[in-house]
C-alpha atoms as a PDB file:
ATOM      1  CA  MET A   1      91.719 153.300 138.734  1.00  0.00           C
ATOM      2  CA  THR A   2      92.929 150.419 140.875  1.00  0.00           C
ATOM      3  CA  THR A   3      95.127 147.444 139.945  1.00  0.00           C
ATOM      4  CA  THR A   4      93.980 144.085 141.353  1.00  0.00           C
ATOM      5  CA  ARG A   5      95.165 140.512 141.403  1.00  0.00           C
ATOM      6  CA  THR A   6      92.624 137.715 141.164  1.00  0.00           C
ATOM      7  CA  ALA A   7      92.983 134.764 143.504  1.00  0.00           C
ATOM      8  CA  ARG A   8      92.237 132.040 140.920  1.00  0.00           C
ATOM      9  CA  SER A   9      94.259 133.029 137.889  1.00  0.00           C
ATOM     10  CA  GLY A  10      96.807 135.467 139.180  1.00  0.00           C
ATOM     11  CA  ILE A  11      96.110 137.824 136.270  1.00  0.00           C
ATOM     12  CA  ARG A  12      96.415 141.479 136.999  1.00  0.00           C
ATOM     13  CA  GLY A  13      93.640 143.663 135.739  1.00  0.00           C
ATOM     14  CA  ARG A  14      92.277 147.128 136.090  1.00  0.00           C
ATOM     15  CA  ILE A  15      89.074 148.064 137.767  1.00  0.00           C
ATOM     16  CA  THR A  16      87.484 151.205 136.531  1.00  0.00           C
ATOM     17  CA  ALA A  17      84.573 153.073 137.936  1.00  0.00           C
ATOM     18  CA  PRO A  18      81.273 152.295 136.212  1.00  0.00           C
ATOM     19  CA  ARG A  19      80.332 154.783 133.553  1.00  0.00           C
ATOM     20  CA  GLU A  20      77.362 156.946 134.103  1.00  0.00           C
ATOM     21  CA  ARG A  21      74.295 156.327 131.977  1.00  0.00           C
ATOM     22  CA  THR A  22      73.272 158.975 129.590  1.00  0.00           C
ATOM     23  CA  GLY A  23      69.877 159.414 128.089  1.00  0.00           C
ATOM     24  CA  ASP A  24      66.345 158.834 129.156  1.00  0.00           C
ATOM     25  CA  ALA A  25      65.676 157.220 132.548  1.00  0.00           C
ATOM     26  CA  ARG A  26      62.701 155.285 131.165  1.00  0.00           C
ATOM     27  CA  GLY A  27      64.895 152.545 129.616  1.00  0.00           C
ATOM     28  CA  PRO A  28      65.881 151.420 126.106  1.00  0.00           C
ATOM     29  CA  ARG A  29      62.332 150.605 124.897  1.00  0.00           C
ATOM     30  CA  ALA A  30      61.141 154.126 125.484  1.00  0.00           C
ATOM     31  CA  ARG A  31      63.960 155.503 123.321  1.00  0.00           C
ATOM     32  CA  GLY A  32      63.138 153.232 120.333  1.00  0.00           C
ATOM     33  CA  VAL A  33      66.107 150.841 120.760  1.00  0.00           C
ATOM     34  CA  ARG A  34      65.402 147.229 119.656  1.00  0.00           C
ATOM     35  CA  ASP A  35      65.275 144.556 122.301  1.00  0.00           C
ATOM     36  CA  ASP A  36      66.960 141.314 121.133  1.00  0.00           C
ATOM     37  CA  ARG A  37      65.714 139.073 123.896  1.00  0.00           C
ATOM     38  CA  GLY A  38      64.565 135.694 122.474  1.00  0.00           C
ATOM     39  CA  GLN A  39      66.492 136.042 119.232  1.00  0.00           C
ATOM     40  CA  THR A  40      68.741 133.070 120.025  1.00  0.00           C
ATOM     41  CA  ALA A  41      65.737 130.848 120.699  1.00  0.00           C
ATOM     42  CA  VAL A  42      64.142 131.793 117.382  1.00  0.00           C
ATOM     43  CA  GLU A  43      67.362 131.143 115.462  1.00  0.00           C
ATOM     44  CA  PHE A  44      67.818 127.786 117.184  1.00  0.00           C
ATOM     45  CA  LEU A  45      64.267 126.724 116.303  1.00  0.00           C
ATOM     46  CA  GLY A  46      64.913 127.673 112.685  1.00  0.00           C
ATOM     47  CA  MET A  47      68.103 125.608 112.546  1.00  0.00           C
ATOM     48  CA  THR A  48      66.727 122.544 114.363  1.00  0.00           C
ATOM     49  CA  PRO A  49      65.395 120.763 111.224  1.00  0.00           C
ATOM     50  CA  PHE A  50      68.756 121.204 109.495  1.00  0.00           C
ATOM     51  CA  ILE A  51      70.606 119.879 112.535  1.00  0.00           C
ATOM     52  CA  ILE A  52      68.338 116.822 112.643  1.00  0.00           C
ATOM     53  CA  LEU A  53      68.792 116.221 108.900  1.00  0.00           C
ATOM     54  CA  ILE A  54      72.580 116.411 109.239  1.00  0.00           C
ATOM     55  CA  MET A  55      72.474 113.932 112.123  1.00  0.00           C
ATOM     56  CA  LEU A  56      70.408 111.495 110.010  1.00  0.00           C
ATOM     57  CA  VAL A  57      72.862 111.745 107.115  1.00  0.00           C
ATOM     58  CA  LEU A  58      75.807 111.148 109.441  1.00  0.00           C
ATOM     59  CA  TRP A  59      74.051 108.137 110.973  1.00  0.00           C
ATOM     60  CA  GLU A  60      73.405 106.699 107.503  1.00  0.00           C
ATOM     61  CA  CYS A  61      77.119 107.132 106.706  1.00  0.00           C
ATOM     62  CA  ALA A  62      77.922 105.224 109.889  1.00  0.00           C
ATOM     63  CA  LEU A  63      75.576 102.424 108.749  1.00  0.00           C
ATOM     64  CA  ILE A  64      77.414 102.236 105.414  1.00  0.00           C
ATOM     65  CA  GLY A  65      80.754 101.901 107.189  1.00  0.00           C
ATOM     66  CA  TYR A  66      79.371  99.269 109.556  1.00  0.00           C
ATOM     67  CA  THR A  67      78.007  97.317 106.584  1.00  0.00           C
ATOM     68  CA  PHE A  68      81.512  97.208 105.073  1.00  0.00           C
ATOM     69  CA  SER A  69      82.818  95.814 108.353  1.00  0.00           C
ATOM     70  CA  LEU A  70      80.044  93.214 108.626  1.00  0.00           C
ATOM     71  CA  ALA A  71      80.448  92.028 105.022  1.00  0.00           C
ATOM     72  CA  GLY A  72      84.196  91.519 105.390  1.00  0.00           C
ATOM     73  CA  ASN A  73      83.855  89.727 108.710  1.00  0.00           C
ATOM     74  CA  ALA A  74      81.038  87.455 107.481  1.00  0.00           C
ATOM     75  CA  ALA A  75      83.040  86.495 104.393  1.00  0.00           C
ATOM     76  CA  ASP A  76      86.096  85.757 106.531  1.00  0.00           C
ATOM     77  CA  VAL A  77      84.156  83.553 108.953  1.00  0.00           C
ATOM     78  CA  GLY A  78      82.411  81.752 106.082  1.00  0.00           C
ATOM     79  CA  ALA A  79      85.701  81.037 104.292  1.00  0.00           C
ATOM     80  CA  ARG A  80      87.289  79.667 107.468  1.00  0.00           C
ATOM     81  CA  LYS A  81      84.286  77.452 108.230  1.00  0.00           C
ATOM     82  CA  GLY A  82      84.184  76.172 104.642  1.00  0.00           C
ATOM     83  CA  SER A  83      87.903  75.417 104.464  1.00  0.00           C
ATOM     84  CA  GLY A  84      87.861  73.442 107.696  1.00  0.00           C
ATOM     85  CA  ALA A  85      84.695  71.432 107.027  1.00  0.00           C
ATOM     86  CA  GLU A  86      85.206  67.777 106.227  1.00  0.00           C
ATOM     87  CA  TYR A  87      81.781  67.325 104.613  1.00  0.00           C
ATOM     88  CA  GLY A  88      79.292  69.919 103.377  1.00  0.00           C
ATOM     89  CA  ALA A  89      81.766  72.759 103.021  1.00  0.00           C
ATOM     90  CA  ASP A  90      79.306  75.026 101.187  1.00  0.00           C
ATOM     91  CA  ALA A  91      76.626  74.615 103.876  1.00  0.00           C
ATOM     92  CA  ALA A  92      79.186  75.236 106.639  1.00  0.00           C
ATOM     93  CA  CYS A  93      80.440  78.316 104.805  1.00  0.00           C
ATOM     94  CA  GLU A  94      76.963  79.791 104.397  1.00  0.00           C
ATOM     95  CA  ALA A  95      75.969  79.032 107.997  1.00  0.00           C
ATOM     96  CA  GLY A  96      79.187  80.579 109.295  1.00  0.00           C
ATOM     97  CA  ALA A  97      78.735  83.705 107.190  1.00  0.00           C
ATOM     98  CA  ARG A  98      75.135  84.252 108.335  1.00  0.00           C
ATOM     99  CA  LYS A  99      75.697  83.330 111.992  1.00  0.00           C
ATOM    100  CA  ASP A 100      76.707  86.714 113.425  1.00  0.00           C
ATOM    101  CA  LEU A 101      74.835  89.061 111.060  1.00  0.00           C
ATOM    102  CA  PRO A 102      72.295  91.347 112.780  1.00  0.00           C
ATOM    103  CA  ASP A 103      68.651  91.072 111.712  1.00  0.00           C
ATOM    104  CA  ALA A 104      68.697  94.261 109.624  1.00  0.00           C
ATOM    105  CA  TRP A 105      71.432  92.796 107.403  1.00  0.00           C
ATOM    106  CA  SER A 106      70.738  89.053 107.439  1.00  0.00           C
ATOM    107  CA  GLY A 107      67.414  89.181 105.576  1.00  0.00           C
ATOM    108  CA  ALA A 108      68.854  90.412 102.275  1.00  0.00           C
ATOM    109  CA  ALA A 109      72.316  88.839 102.608  1.00  0.00           C
ATOM    110  CA  ARG A 110      73.612  86.797  99.669  1.00  0.00           C
ATOM    111  CA  VAL A 111      76.393  84.306 100.350  1.00  0.00           C
ATOM    112  CA  SER A 112      78.329  82.401  97.704  1.00  0.00           C
ATOM    113  CA  CYS A 113      81.030  79.901  98.587  1.00  0.00           C
ATOM    114  CA  GLY A 114      83.312  77.683  96.564  1.00  0.00           C
ATOM    115  CA  ARG A 115      86.726  76.129  96.142  1.00  0.00           C
ATOM    116  CA  GLY A 116      89.407  78.048  94.332  1.00  0.00           C
ATOM    117  CA  SER A 117      92.776  76.653  93.256  1.00  0.00           C
ATOM    118  CA  ASP A 118      94.459  76.786  96.686  1.00  0.00           C
ATOM    119  CA  LEU A 119      91.806  78.611  98.702  1.00  0.00           C
ATOM    120  CA  TYR A 120      88.266  78.190  99.833  1.00  0.00           C
ATOM    121  CA  GLU A 121      86.597  81.460  98.856  1.00  0.00           C
ATOM    122  CA  ALA A 122      83.512  83.163 100.211  1.00  0.00           C
ATOM    123  CA  LYS A 123      81.695  86.253  98.955  1.00  0.00           C
ATOM    124  CA  VAL A 124      79.031  88.003 101.019  1.00  0.00           C
ATOM    125  CA  THR A 125      76.823  90.763  99.610  1.00  0.00           C
ATOM    126  CA  LEU A 126      74.895  92.925 102.071  1.00  0.00           C
ATOM    127  CA  LYS A 127      72.376  95.725 101.541  1.00  0.00           C
ATOM    128  CA  VAL A 128      72.762  98.879 103.590  1.00  0.00           C
ATOM    129  CA  PRO A 129      69.670  99.304 105.802  1.00  0.00           C
ATOM    130  CA  VAL A 130      67.887 102.632 105.580  1.00  0.00           C
ATOM    131  CA  LEU A 131      67.380 104.519 108.825  1.00  0.00           C
ATOM    132  CA  VAL A 132      64.356 106.481 107.592  1.00  0.00           C
ATOM    133  CA  PRO A 133      62.578 104.741 104.679  1.00  0.00           C
ATOM    134  CA  GLY A 134      61.574 107.189 101.971  1.00  0.00           C
ATOM    135  CA  LEU A 135      63.992 109.896 103.104  1.00  0.00           C
ATOM    136  CA  PHE A 136      67.109 108.153 101.829  1.00  0.00           C
ATOM    137  CA  ASP A 137      66.580 105.568  99.117  1.00  0.00           C
ATOM    138  CA  LEU A 138      69.965 103.887  99.098  1.00  0.00           C
ATOM    139  CA  ASP A 139      70.197 100.933  96.785  1.00  0.00           C
ATOM    140  CA  ILE A 140      73.774 100.104  97.699  1.00  0.00           C
ATOM    141  CA  ASP A 141      75.201  96.589  97.821  1.00  0.00           C
ATOM    142  CA  ILE A 142      78.387  96.075  99.792  1.00  0.00           C
ATOM    143  CA  ASP A 143      80.568  93.082  98.897  1.00  0.00           C
ATOM    144  CA  GLY A 144      82.922  91.309 101.233  1.00  0.00           C
ATOM    145  CA  GLU A 145      85.299  88.684  99.901  1.00  0.00           C
ATOM    146  CA  ALA A 146      87.662  86.378 101.747  1.00  0.00           C
ATOM    147  CA  GLY A 147      89.676  83.251 101.229  1.00  0.00           C
ATOM    148  CA  SER A 148      91.111  80.651 103.517  1.00  0.00           C
ATOM    149  CA  ALA A 149      93.734  77.995 102.825  1.00  0.00           C
ATOM    150  CA  LEU A 150      92.270  74.554 102.181  1.00  0.00           C
ATOM    151  CA  GLU A 151      92.975  72.061 104.933  1.00  0.00           C
ATOM    152  CA  ASP A 152      93.650  68.416 104.237  1.00  0.00           C
END
């Protein structure tokens, strides 16, 4: 038995002489021992559909979160445009709310604008797009509401 020091890690370890093989010289297959080569590949192929399904669900959750962000931002922009417009505040509000929406969200977007007591208010309702139609049938509407002080 010899004690060594490795150059990279500085850890001391022991080197022992290799043990002698016992048994038949023909190898493990001749003795009836199972060979596990390829088992990892088979297990990975079996898990691949589940991994893909989990990735799709996570992506759909990301789309839901992004829809919340888009709805709030569109309502905020619409309220600011409507409060600052001298004429046609409702048209300015709706145009401002729809301006930056991506195509997947703008088709089904509903925008309602109007004057409150001290604020110009905007409400934007967006539908969450479905990544794989038929796999996830989400009928979720996300509302974003905002208000902006009326300017004179």
